[in-house]
Amino acid sequence: EISKAMDAEQAQESIRRKMPDLILMDIGLPGMDGLTLTRKLKAD
């Protein structure tokens, strides 16, 4: 089952709707980059 996001904000919204088992995270995202989002998710 696939959900898609083109930036960190869309990713966070998708996670709020349904928790994924795995995230395939592009690092070079516009705005908040993938490593920053990863740190944020792992700290929560």
PDB file of all heavy atoms in Angstrom:
ATOM      1  N   GLU A   1       0.876  -1.168   0.000  1.00  0.00           N
ATOM      2  CA  GLU A   1       0.000   0.000   0.000  1.00  0.00           C
ATOM      3  C   GLU A   1       0.917   1.222   0.000  1.00  0.00           C
ATOM      4  O   GLU A   1       1.767   1.369   0.882  1.00  0.00           O
ATOM      5  CB  GLU A   1      -0.876   0.007   1.259  1.00  0.00           C
ATOM      6  CG  GLU A   1      -1.765   1.222   1.359  1.00  0.00           C
ATOM      7  CD  GLU A   1      -2.507   1.295   2.676  1.00  0.00           C
ATOM      8  OE1 GLU A   1      -2.569   0.285   3.401  1.00  0.00           O
ATOM      9  OE2 GLU A   1      -3.016   2.377   2.969  1.00  0.00           O
ATOM     10  N   ILE A   2       0.750   2.087  -0.989  1.00  0.00           N
ATOM     11  CA  ILE A   2       1.667   3.211  -1.180  1.00  0.00           C
ATOM     12  C   ILE A   2       0.968   4.541  -0.930  1.00  0.00           C
ATOM     13  O   ILE A   2      -0.133   4.782  -1.429  1.00  0.00           O
ATOM     14  CB  ILE A   2       2.237   3.206  -2.623  1.00  0.00           C
ATOM     15  CG1 ILE A   2       2.929   1.881  -2.933  1.00  0.00           C
ATOM     16  CG2 ILE A   2       3.172   4.386  -2.838  1.00  0.00           C
ATOM     17  CD1 ILE A   2       4.125   1.555  -2.074  1.00  0.00           C
ATOM     18  N   SER A   3       1.639   5.385  -0.164  1.00  0.00           N
ATOM     19  CA  SER A   3       1.265   6.795  -0.046  1.00  0.00           C
ATOM     20  C   SER A   3       2.424   7.591  -0.621  1.00  0.00           C
ATOM     21  O   SER A   3       3.576   7.143  -0.582  1.00  0.00           O
ATOM     22  CB  SER A   3       1.039   7.193   1.418  1.00  0.00           C
ATOM     23  OG  SER A   3      -0.072   6.519   1.945  1.00  0.00           O
ATOM     24  N   LYS A   4       2.124   8.774  -1.153  1.00  0.00           N
ATOM     25  CA  LYS A   4       3.148   9.580  -1.809  1.00  0.00           C
ATOM     26  C   LYS A   4       3.168  10.979  -1.221  1.00  0.00           C
ATOM     27  O   LYS A   4       2.126  11.521  -0.854  1.00  0.00           O
ATOM     28  CB  LYS A   4       2.864   9.699  -3.305  1.00  0.00           C
ATOM     29  CG  LYS A   4       2.744   8.387  -4.028  1.00  0.00           C
ATOM     30  CD  LYS A   4       2.313   8.616  -5.455  1.00  0.00           C
ATOM     31  CE  LYS A   4       1.829   7.327  -6.090  1.00  0.00           C
ATOM     32  NZ  LYS A   4       1.261   7.542  -7.414  1.00  0.00           N
ATOM     33  N   ALA A   5       4.367  11.557  -1.171  1.00  0.00           N
ATOM     34  CA  ALA A   5       4.534  12.942  -0.737  1.00  0.00           C
ATOM     35  C   ALA A   5       5.699  13.547  -1.508  1.00  0.00           C
ATOM     36  O   ALA A   5       6.687  12.863  -1.778  1.00  0.00           O
ATOM     37  CB  ALA A   5       4.799  13.015   0.757  1.00  0.00           C
ATOM     38  N   MET A   6       5.549  14.826  -1.862  1.00  0.00           N
ATOM     39  CA  MET A   6       6.599  15.506  -2.612  1.00  0.00           C
ATOM     40  C   MET A   6       7.451  16.445  -1.753  1.00  0.00           C
ATOM     41  O   MET A   6       8.427  17.001  -2.234  1.00  0.00           O
ATOM     42  CB  MET A   6       6.002  16.261  -3.793  1.00  0.00           C
ATOM     43  CG  MET A   6       5.407  15.308  -4.821  1.00  0.00           C
ATOM     44  SD  MET A   6       4.932  16.106  -6.352  1.00  0.00           S
ATOM     45  CE  MET A   6       6.524  16.501  -7.051  1.00  0.00           C
ATOM     46  N   ASP A   7       7.078  16.609  -0.477  1.00  0.00           N
ATOM     47  CA  ASP A   7       7.884  17.421   0.433  1.00  0.00           C
ATOM     48  C   ASP A   7       7.610  16.992   1.864  1.00  0.00           C
ATOM     49  O   ASP A   7       6.752  16.134   2.124  1.00  0.00           O
ATOM     50  CB  ASP A   7       7.626  18.916   0.233  1.00  0.00           C
ATOM     51  CG  ASP A   7       6.183  19.335   0.445  1.00  0.00           C
ATOM     52  OD1 ASP A   7       5.493  18.731   1.300  1.00  0.00           O
ATOM     53  OD2 ASP A   7       5.733  20.282  -0.225  1.00  0.00           O
ATOM     54  N   ALA A   8       8.337  17.573   2.798  1.00  0.00           N
ATOM     55  CA  ALA A   8       8.226  17.176   4.204  1.00  0.00           C
ATOM     56  C   ALA A   8       6.846  17.457   4.773  1.00  0.00           C
ATOM     57  O   ALA A   8       6.326  16.656   5.562  1.00  0.00           O
ATOM     58  CB  ALA A   8       9.297  17.899   5.028  1.00  0.00           C
ATOM     59  N   GLU A   9       6.247  18.556   4.379  1.00  0.00           N
ATOM     60  CA  GLU A   9       4.921  18.900   4.900  1.00  0.00           C
ATOM     61  C   GLU A   9       3.875  17.880   4.461  1.00  0.00           C
ATOM     62  O   GLU A   9       3.058  17.430   5.261  1.00  0.00           O
ATOM     63  CB  GLU A   9       4.527  20.319   4.467  1.00  0.00           C
ATOM     64  CG  GLU A   9       5.366  21.418   5.117  1.00  0.00           C
ATOM     65  CD  GLU A   9       6.792  21.530   4.575  1.00  0.00           C
ATOM     66  OE1 GLU A   9       7.079  21.106   3.419  1.00  0.00           O
ATOM     67  OE2 GLU A   9       7.659  22.022   5.329  1.00  0.00           O
ATOM     68  N   GLN A  10       3.908  17.498   3.183  1.00  0.00           N
ATOM     69  CA  GLN A  10       2.987  16.467   2.697  1.00  0.00           C
ATOM     70  C   GLN A  10       3.257  15.134   3.392  1.00  0.00           C
ATOM     71  O   GLN A  10       2.323  14.395   3.715  1.00  0.00           O
ATOM     72  CB  GLN A  10       3.121  16.287   1.178  1.00  0.00           C
ATOM     73  CG  GLN A  10       2.550  17.408   0.358  1.00  0.00           C
ATOM     74  CD  GLN A  10       2.734  17.158  -1.148  1.00  0.00           C
ATOM     75  OE1 GLN A  10       3.235  16.122  -1.576  1.00  0.00           O
ATOM     76  NE2 GLN A  10       2.324  18.136  -1.942  1.00  0.00           N
ATOM     77  N   ALA A  11       4.515  14.839   3.633  1.00  0.00           N
ATOM     78  CA  ALA A  11       4.867  13.589   4.313  1.00  0.00           C
ATOM     79  C   ALA A  11       4.291  13.564   5.726  1.00  0.00           C
ATOM     80  O   ALA A  11       3.709  12.560   6.148  1.00  0.00           O
ATOM     81  CB  ALA A  11       6.386  13.416   4.351  1.00  0.00           C
ATOM     82  N   GLN A  12       4.444  14.661   6.444  1.00  0.00           N
ATOM     83  CA  GLN A  12       3.920  14.728   7.813  1.00  0.00           C
ATOM     84  C   GLN A  12       2.396  14.586   7.827  1.00  0.00           C
ATOM     85  O   GLN A  12       1.837  13.916   8.695  1.00  0.00           O
ATOM     86  CB  GLN A  12       4.348  16.039   8.474  1.00  0.00           C
ATOM     87  CG  GLN A  12       5.852  16.074   8.755  1.00  0.00           C
ATOM     88  CD  GLN A  12       6.299  17.410   9.279  1.00  0.00           C
ATOM     89  OE1 GLN A  12       6.433  17.577  10.484  1.00  0.00           O
ATOM     90  NE2 GLN A  12       6.512  18.359   8.383  1.00  0.00           N
ATOM     91  N   GLU A  13       1.733  15.188   6.864  1.00  0.00           N
ATOM     92  CA  GLU A  13       0.277  15.074   6.772  1.00  0.00           C
ATOM     93  C   GLU A  13      -0.119  13.632   6.478  1.00  0.00           C
ATOM     94  O   GLU A  13      -1.063  13.094   7.063  1.00  0.00           O
ATOM     95  CB  GLU A  13      -0.270  16.015   5.700  1.00  0.00           C
ATOM     96  CG  GLU A  13      -1.773  15.964   5.548  1.00  0.00           C
ATOM     97  CD  GLU A  13      -2.533  16.298   6.830  1.00  0.00           C
ATOM     98  OE1 GLU A  13      -2.081  17.157   7.598  1.00  0.00           O
ATOM     99  OE2 GLU A  13      -3.599  15.681   7.059  1.00  0.00           O
ATOM    100  N   SER A  14       0.603  12.974   5.589  1.00  0.00           N
ATOM    101  CA  SER A  14       0.320  11.576   5.260  1.00  0.00           C
ATOM    102  C   SER A  14       0.496  10.689   6.489  1.00  0.00           C
ATOM    103  O   SER A  14      -0.315   9.799   6.743  1.00  0.00           O
ATOM    104  CB  SER A  14       1.239  11.105   4.129  1.00  0.00           C
ATOM    105  OG  SER A  14       0.996   9.765   3.816  1.00  0.00           O
ATOM    106  N   ILE A  15       1.537  10.940   7.266  1.00  0.00           N
ATOM    107  CA  ILE A  15       1.797  10.156   8.478  1.00  0.00           C
ATOM    108  C   ILE A  15       0.682  10.369   9.497  1.00  0.00           C
ATOM    109  O   ILE A  15       0.267   9.429  10.176  1.00  0.00           O
ATOM    110  CB  ILE A  15       3.177  10.525   9.066  1.00  0.00           C
ATOM    111  CG1 ILE A  15       4.283  10.052   8.118  1.00  0.00           C
ATOM    112  CG2 ILE A  15       3.355   9.929  10.464  1.00  0.00           C
ATOM    113  CD1 ILE A  15       5.641  10.658   8.405  1.00  0.00           C
ATOM    114  N   ARG A  16       0.157  11.588   9.597  1.00  0.00           N
ATOM    115  CA  ARG A  16      -0.957  11.856  10.519  1.00  0.00           C
ATOM    116  C   ARG A  16      -2.209  11.074  10.110  1.00  0.00           C
ATOM    117  O   ARG A  16      -2.958  10.614  10.959  1.00  0.00           O
ATOM    118  CB  ARG A  16      -1.272  13.360  10.576  1.00  0.00           C
ATOM    119  CG  ARG A  16      -0.335  14.132  11.487  1.00  0.00           C
ATOM    120  CD  ARG A  16      -0.821  15.549  11.722  1.00  0.00           C
ATOM    121  NE  ARG A  16      -0.627  16.434  10.585  1.00  0.00           N
ATOM    122  CZ  ARG A  16       0.500  17.067  10.294  1.00  0.00           C
ATOM    123  NH1 ARG A  16       1.561  16.909  11.055  1.00  0.00           N
ATOM    124  NH2 ARG A  16       0.571  17.854   9.242  1.00  0.00           N
ATOM    125  N   ARG A  17      -2.416  10.940   8.788  1.00  0.00           N
ATOM    126  CA  ARG A  17      -3.586  10.199   8.303  1.00  0.00           C
ATOM    127  C   ARG A  17      -3.453   8.702   8.537  1.00  0.00           C
ATOM    128  O   ARG A  17      -4.400   8.036   8.941  1.00  0.00           O
ATOM    129  CB  ARG A  17      -3.814  10.467   6.821  1.00  0.00           C
ATOM    130  CG  ARG A  17      -4.437  11.814   6.525  1.00  0.00           C
ATOM    131  CD  ARG A  17      -4.929  11.919   5.084  1.00  0.00           C
ATOM    132  NE  ARG A  17      -3.936  11.597   4.087  1.00  0.00           N
ATOM    133  CZ  ARG A  17      -3.072  12.469   3.556  1.00  0.00           C
ATOM    134  NH1 ARG A  17      -3.074  13.727   3.940  1.00  0.00           N
ATOM    135  NH2 ARG A  17      -2.214  12.073   2.653  1.00  0.00           N
ATOM    136  N   LYS A  18      -2.269   8.157   8.241  1.00  0.00           N
ATOM    137  CA  LYS A  18      -2.044   6.720   8.408  1.00  0.00           C
ATOM    138  C   LYS A  18      -0.560   6.464   8.608  1.00  0.00           C
ATOM    139  O   LYS A  18       0.264   6.832   7.769  1.00  0.00           O
ATOM    140  CB  LYS A  18      -2.555   5.933   7.199  1.00  0.00           C
ATOM    141  CG  LYS A  18      -2.391   4.441   7.404  1.00  0.00           C
ATOM    142  CD  LYS A  18      -3.090   3.621   6.368  1.00  0.00           C
ATOM    143  CE  LYS A  18      -2.899   2.150   6.710  1.00  0.00           C
ATOM    144  NZ  LYS A  18      -3.440   1.297   5.687  1.00  0.00           N
ATOM    145  N   MET A  19      -0.250   5.823   9.698  1.00  0.00           N
ATOM    146  CA  MET A  19       1.143   5.527  10.049  1.00  0.00           C
ATOM    147  C   MET A  19       1.712   4.483   9.088  1.00  0.00           C
ATOM    148  O   MET A  19       1.169   3.382   8.970  1.00  0.00           O
ATOM    149  CB  MET A  19       1.193   5.003  11.479  1.00  0.00           C
ATOM    150  CG  MET A  19       2.572   4.968  12.068  1.00  0.00           C
ATOM    151  SD  MET A  19       3.229   6.579  12.508  1.00  0.00           S
ATOM    152  CE  MET A  19       2.113   7.091  13.800  1.00  0.00           C
ATOM    153  N   PRO A  20       2.807   4.812   8.393  1.00  0.00           N
ATOM    154  CA  PRO A  20       3.414   3.825   7.488  1.00  0.00           C
ATOM    155  C   PRO A  20       4.292   2.835   8.242  1.00  0.00           C
ATOM    156  O   PRO A  20       4.741   3.097   9.360  1.00  0.00           O
ATOM    157  CB  PRO A  20       4.261   4.704   6.563  1.00  0.00           C
ATOM    158  CG  PRO A  20       4.640   5.872   7.405  1.00  0.00           C
ATOM    159  CD  PRO A  20       3.469   6.112   8.330  1.00  0.00           C
ATOM    160  N   ASP A  21       4.541   1.705   7.614  1.00  0.00           N
ATOM    161  CA  ASP A  21       5.480   0.724   8.143  1.00  0.00           C
ATOM    162  C   ASP A  21       6.905   1.091   7.752  1.00  0.00           C
ATOM    163  O   ASP A  21       7.860   0.708   8.433  1.00  0.00           O
ATOM    164  CB  ASP A  21       5.157  -0.669   7.589  1.00  0.00           C
ATOM    165  CG  ASP A  21       3.768  -1.118   7.997  1.00  0.00           C
ATOM    166  OD1 ASP A  21       3.527  -1.239   9.216  1.00  0.00           O
ATOM    167  OD2 ASP A  21       2.915  -1.321   7.105  1.00  0.00           O
ATOM    168  N   LEU A  22       7.029   1.825   6.641  1.00  0.00           N
ATOM    169  CA  LEU A  22       8.336   2.185   6.097  1.00  0.00           C
ATOM    170  C   LEU A  22       8.201   3.504   5.352  1.00  0.00           C
ATOM    171  O   LEU A  22       7.189   3.734   4.687  1.00  0.00           O
ATOM    172  CB  LEU A  22       8.813   1.087   5.133  1.00  0.00           C
ATOM    173  CG  LEU A  22      10.081   1.343   4.316  1.00  0.00           C
ATOM    174  CD1 LEU A  22      11.315   1.432   5.214  1.00  0.00           C
ATOM    175  CD2 LEU A  22      10.263   0.253   3.265  1.00  0.00           C
ATOM    176  N   ILE A  23       9.237   4.333   5.462  1.00  0.00           N
ATOM    177  CA  ILE A  23       9.311   5.557   4.659  1.00  0.00           C
ATOM    178  C   ILE A  23      10.562   5.464   3.794  1.00  0.00           C
ATOM    179  O   ILE A  23      11.661   5.217   4.299  1.00  0.00           O
ATOM    180  CB  ILE A  23       9.391   6.821   5.537  1.00  0.00           C
ATOM    181  CG1 ILE A  23       8.146   6.959   6.412  1.00  0.00           C
ATOM    182  CG2 ILE A  23       9.564   8.070   4.654  1.00  0.00           C
ATOM    183  CD1 ILE A  23       8.220   8.090   7.431  1.00  0.00           C
ATOM    184  N   LEU A  24      10.382   5.642   2.485  1.00  0.00           N
ATOM    185  CA  LEU A  24      11.503   5.793   1.559  1.00  0.00           C
ATOM    186  C   LEU A  24      11.665   7.293   1.377  1.00  0.00           C
ATOM    187  O   LEU A  24      10.822   7.944   0.764  1.00  0.00           O
ATOM    188  CB  LEU A  24      11.225   5.081   0.241  1.00  0.00           C
ATOM    189  CG  LEU A  24      11.048   3.566   0.355  1.00  0.00           C
ATOM    190  CD1 LEU A  24      10.717   2.966  -1.009  1.00  0.00           C
ATOM    191  CD2 LEU A  24      12.293   2.906   0.934  1.00  0.00           C
ATOM    192  N   MET A  25      12.725   7.849   1.945  1.00  0.00           N
ATOM    193  CA  MET A  25      12.881   9.297   2.106  1.00  0.00           C
ATOM    194  C   MET A  25      13.969   9.860   1.201  1.00  0.00           C
ATOM    195  O   MET A  25      15.155   9.561   1.381  1.00  0.00           O
ATOM    196  CB  MET A  25      13.242   9.583   3.571  1.00  0.00           C
ATOM    197  CG  MET A  25      13.470  11.039   3.900  1.00  0.00           C
ATOM    198  SD  MET A  25      11.954  11.936   4.147  1.00  0.00           S
ATOM    199  CE  MET A  25      11.444  11.283   5.750  1.00  0.00           C
ATOM    200  N   ASP A  26      13.562  10.694   0.257  1.00  0.00           N
ATOM    201  CA  ASP A  26      14.524  11.463  -0.526  1.00  0.00           C
ATOM    202  C   ASP A  26      15.178  12.462   0.425  1.00  0.00           C
ATOM    203  O   ASP A  26      14.508  13.084   1.246  1.00  0.00           O
ATOM    204  CB  ASP A  26      13.796  12.186  -1.661  1.00  0.00           C
ATOM    205  CG  ASP A  26      14.715  13.002  -2.551  1.00  0.00           C
ATOM    206  OD1 ASP A  26      15.929  12.726  -2.587  1.00  0.00           O
ATOM    207  OD2 ASP A  26      14.209  13.910  -3.223  1.00  0.00           O
ATOM    208  N   ILE A  27      16.473  12.610   0.322  1.00  0.00           N
ATOM    209  CA  ILE A  27      17.187  13.518   1.212  1.00  0.00           C
ATOM    210  C   ILE A  27      17.094  14.958   0.723  1.00  0.00           C
ATOM    211  O   ILE A  27      16.968  15.886   1.514  1.00  0.00           O
ATOM    212  CB  ILE A  27      18.670  13.081   1.326  1.00  0.00           C
ATOM    213  CG1 ILE A  27      18.759  11.693   1.943  1.00  0.00           C
ATOM    214  CG2 ILE A  27      19.483  14.075   2.136  1.00  0.00           C
ATOM    215  CD1 ILE A  27      18.001  11.531   3.237  1.00  0.00           C
ATOM    216  N   GLY A  28      17.133  15.167  -0.596  1.00  0.00           N
ATOM    217  CA  GLY A  28      17.166  16.509  -1.158  1.00  0.00           C
ATOM    218  C   GLY A  28      15.787  17.099  -1.409  1.00  0.00           C
ATOM    219  O   GLY A  28      15.456  17.424  -2.545  1.00  0.00           O
ATOM    220  N   LEU A  29      14.983  17.227  -0.361  1.00  0.00           N
ATOM    221  CA  LEU A  29      13.644  17.805  -0.507  1.00  0.00           C
ATOM    222  C   LEU A  29      13.709  19.328  -0.428  1.00  0.00           C
ATOM    223  O   LEU A  29      14.567  19.869   0.259  1.00  0.00           O
ATOM    224  CB  LEU A  29      12.719  17.292   0.614  1.00  0.00           C
ATOM    225  CG  LEU A  29      12.460  15.793   0.657  1.00  0.00           C
ATOM    226  CD1 LEU A  29      11.665  15.452   1.914  1.00  0.00           C
ATOM    227  CD2 LEU A  29      11.715  15.351  -0.588  1.00  0.00           C
ATOM    228  N   PRO A  30      12.773  20.016  -1.083  1.00  0.00           N
ATOM    229  CA  PRO A  30      12.703  21.471  -0.941  1.00  0.00           C
ATOM    230  C   PRO A  30      12.182  21.822   0.450  1.00  0.00           C
ATOM    231  O   PRO A  30      11.447  21.051   1.065  1.00  0.00           O
ATOM    232  CB  PRO A  30      11.706  21.884  -2.024  1.00  0.00           C
ATOM    233  CG  PRO A  30      10.836  20.681  -2.216  1.00  0.00           C
ATOM    234  CD  PRO A  30      11.737  19.493  -1.973  1.00  0.00           C
ATOM    235  N   GLY A  31      12.577  22.972   0.967  1.00  0.00           N
ATOM    236  CA  GLY A  31      12.143  23.352   2.310  1.00  0.00           C
ATOM    237  C   GLY A  31      12.869  22.500   3.329  1.00  0.00           C
ATOM    238  O   GLY A  31      14.094  22.428   3.337  1.00  0.00           O
ATOM    239  N   MET A  32      12.116  21.823   4.180  1.00  0.00           N
ATOM    240  CA  MET A  32      12.721  20.919   5.160  1.00  0.00           C
ATOM    241  C   MET A  32      13.277  19.705   4.426  1.00  0.00           C
ATOM    242  O   MET A  32      12.532  18.993   3.755  1.00  0.00           O
ATOM    243  CB  MET A  32      11.672  20.477   6.193  1.00  0.00           C
ATOM    244  CG  MET A  32      12.246  19.580   7.288  1.00  0.00           C
ATOM    245  SD  MET A  32      11.006  18.788   8.371  1.00  0.00           S
ATOM    246  CE  MET A  32      10.053  20.166   8.942  1.00  0.00           C
ATOM    247  N   ASP A  33      14.581  19.466   4.546  1.00  0.00           N
ATOM    248  CA  ASP A  33      15.176  18.335   3.830  1.00  0.00           C
ATOM    249  C   ASP A  33      14.854  17.016   4.528  1.00  0.00           C
ATOM    250  O   ASP A  33      14.328  16.986   5.641  1.00  0.00           O
ATOM    251  CB  ASP A  33      16.678  18.526   3.640  1.00  0.00           C
ATOM    252  CG  ASP A  33      17.460  18.493   4.951  1.00  0.00           C
ATOM    253  OD1 ASP A  33      17.249  17.576   5.764  1.00  0.00           O
ATOM    254  OD2 ASP A  33      18.305  19.379   5.146  1.00  0.00           O
ATOM    255  N   GLY A  34      15.162  15.924   3.841  1.00  0.00           N
ATOM    256  CA  GLY A  34      14.810  14.602   4.335  1.00  0.00           C
ATOM    257  C   GLY A  34      15.505  14.211   5.628  1.00  0.00           C
ATOM    258  O   GLY A  34      14.928  13.508   6.456  1.00  0.00           O
ATOM    259  N   LEU A  35      16.745  14.661   5.829  1.00  0.00           N
ATOM    260  CA  LEU A  35      17.440  14.324   7.069  1.00  0.00           C
ATOM    261  C   LEU A  35      16.842  15.067   8.257  1.00  0.00           C
ATOM    262  O   LEU A  35      16.725  14.506   9.354  1.00  0.00           O
ATOM    263  CB  LEU A  35      18.939  14.617   6.949  1.00  0.00           C
ATOM    264  CG  LEU A  35      19.709  13.733   5.966  1.00  0.00           C
ATOM    265  CD1 LEU A  35      21.197  14.092   5.982  1.00  0.00           C
ATOM    266  CD2 LEU A  35      19.511  12.263   6.260  1.00  0.00           C
ATOM    267  N   THR A  36      16.434  16.313   8.042  1.00  0.00           N
ATOM    268  CA  THR A  36      15.788  17.074   9.107  1.00  0.00           C
ATOM    269  C   THR A  36      14.461  16.422   9.487  1.00  0.00           C
ATOM    270  O   THR A  36      14.155  16.260  10.675  1.00  0.00           O
ATOM    271  CB  THR A  36      15.576  18.537   8.683  1.00  0.00           C
ATOM    272  OG1 THR A  36      16.850  19.118   8.366  1.00  0.00           O
ATOM    273  CG2 THR A  36      14.910  19.351   9.774  1.00  0.00           C
ATOM    274  N   LEU A  37      13.682  16.026   8.481  1.00  0.00           N
ATOM    275  CA  LEU A  37      12.418  15.351   8.760  1.00  0.00           C
ATOM    276  C   LEU A  37      12.662  14.024   9.481  1.00  0.00           C
ATOM    277  O   LEU A  37      11.948  13.680  10.419  1.00  0.00           O
ATOM    278  CB  LEU A  37      11.619  15.126   7.471  1.00  0.00           C
ATOM    279  CG  LEU A  37      10.293  14.379   7.641  1.00  0.00           C
ATOM    280  CD1 LEU A  37       9.380  15.070   8.645  1.00  0.00           C
ATOM    281  CD2 LEU A  37       9.599  14.238   6.289  1.00  0.00           C
ATOM    282  N   THR A  38      13.683  13.290   9.069  1.00  0.00           N
ATOM    283  CA  THR A  38      14.013  12.023   9.731  1.00  0.00           C
ATOM    284  C   THR A  38      14.328  12.258  11.203  1.00  0.00           C
ATOM    285  O   THR A  38      13.810  11.548  12.072  1.00  0.00           O
ATOM    286  CB  THR A  38      15.200  11.334   9.029  1.00  0.00           C
ATOM    287  OG1 THR A  38      14.812  10.999   7.701  1.00  0.00           O
ATOM    288  CG2 THR A  38      15.631  10.074   9.768  1.00  0.00           C
ATOM    289  N   ARG A  39      15.165  13.251  11.495  1.00  0.00           N
ATOM    290  CA  ARG A  39      15.502  13.554  12.898  1.00  0.00           C
ATOM    291  C   ARG A  39      14.241  13.890  13.687  1.00  0.00           C
ATOM    292  O   ARG A  39      14.070  13.449  14.829  1.00  0.00           O
ATOM    293  CB  ARG A  39      16.487  14.725  12.970  1.00  0.00           C
ATOM    294  CG  ARG A  39      17.888  14.378  12.584  1.00  0.00           C
ATOM    295  CD  ARG A  39      18.846  15.550  12.812  1.00  0.00           C
ATOM    296  NE  ARG A  39      20.016  15.416  11.995  1.00  0.00           N
ATOM    297  CZ  ARG A  39      20.190  15.971  10.801  1.00  0.00           C
ATOM    298  NH1 ARG A  39      19.261  16.748  10.283  1.00  0.00           N
ATOM    299  NH2 ARG A  39      21.299  15.771  10.131  1.00  0.00           N
ATOM    300  N   LYS A  40      13.363  14.662  13.079  1.00  0.00           N
ATOM    301  CA  LYS A  40      12.110  15.056  13.739  1.00  0.00           C
ATOM    302  C   LYS A  40      11.241  13.830  14.035  1.00  0.00           C
ATOM    303  O   LYS A  40      10.703  13.690  15.132  1.00  0.00           O
ATOM    304  CB  LYS A  40      11.361  16.056  12.843  1.00  0.00           C
ATOM    305  CG  LYS A  40      10.103  16.608  13.443  1.00  0.00           C
ATOM    306  CD  LYS A  40       9.498  17.671  12.532  1.00  0.00           C
ATOM    307  CE  LYS A  40       8.210  18.182  13.145  1.00  0.00           C
ATOM    308  NZ  LYS A  40       7.621  19.253  12.369  1.00  0.00           N
ATOM    309  N   LEU A  41      11.107  12.941  13.064  1.00  0.00           N
ATOM    310  CA  LEU A  41      10.287  11.737  13.253  1.00  0.00           C
ATOM    311  C   LEU A  41      10.896  10.803  14.294  1.00  0.00           C
ATOM    312  O   LEU A  41      10.178  10.212  15.108  1.00  0.00           O
ATOM    313  CB  LEU A  41      10.108  11.008  11.922  1.00  0.00           C
ATOM    314  CG  LEU A  41       9.287  11.746  10.860  1.00  0.00           C
ATOM    315  CD1 LEU A  41       9.387  11.031   9.519  1.00  0.00           C
ATOM    316  CD2 LEU A  41       7.840  11.901  11.294  1.00  0.00           C
ATOM    317  N   LYS A  42      12.211  10.652  14.286  1.00  0.00           N
ATOM    318  CA  LYS A  42      12.877   9.747  15.230  1.00  0.00           C
ATOM    319  C   LYS A  42      12.885  10.316  16.652  1.00  0.00           C
ATOM    320  O   LYS A  42      13.002   9.560  17.615  1.00  0.00           O
ATOM    321  CB  LYS A  42      14.306   9.439  14.764  1.00  0.00           C
ATOM    322  CG  LYS A  42      14.368   8.598  13.496  1.00  0.00           C
ATOM    323  CD  LYS A  42      13.760   7.218  13.699  1.00  0.00           C
ATOM    324  CE  LYS A  42      13.931   6.341  12.480  1.00  0.00           C
ATOM    325  NZ  LYS A  42      13.507   4.956  12.681  1.00  0.00           N
ATOM    326  N   ALA A  43      12.723  11.623  16.792  1.00  0.00           N
ATOM    327  CA  ALA A  43      12.683  12.254  18.125  1.00  0.00           C
ATOM    328  C   ALA A  43      11.292  12.209  18.748  1.00  0.00           C
ATOM    329  O   ALA A  43      11.139  12.477  19.939  1.00  0.00           O
ATOM    330  CB  ALA A  43      13.161  13.703  18.023  1.00  0.00           C
ATOM    331  N   ASP A  44      10.279  11.859  17.962  1.00  0.00           N
ATOM    332  CA  ASP A  44       8.890  11.849  18.429  1.00  0.00           C
ATOM    333  C   ASP A  44       8.498  10.420  18.810  1.00  0.00           C
ATOM    334  O   ASP A  44       8.608   9.494  17.992  1.00  0.00           O
ATOM    335  CB  ASP A  44       7.989  12.379  17.311  1.00  0.00           C
ATOM    336  CG  ASP A  44       6.538  12.536  17.713  1.00  0.00           C
ATOM    337  OD1 ASP A  44       6.074  11.838  18.646  1.00  0.00           O
ATOM    338  OD2 ASP A  44       5.853  13.352  17.082  1.00  0.00           O
TER     339      ASP A  44
END
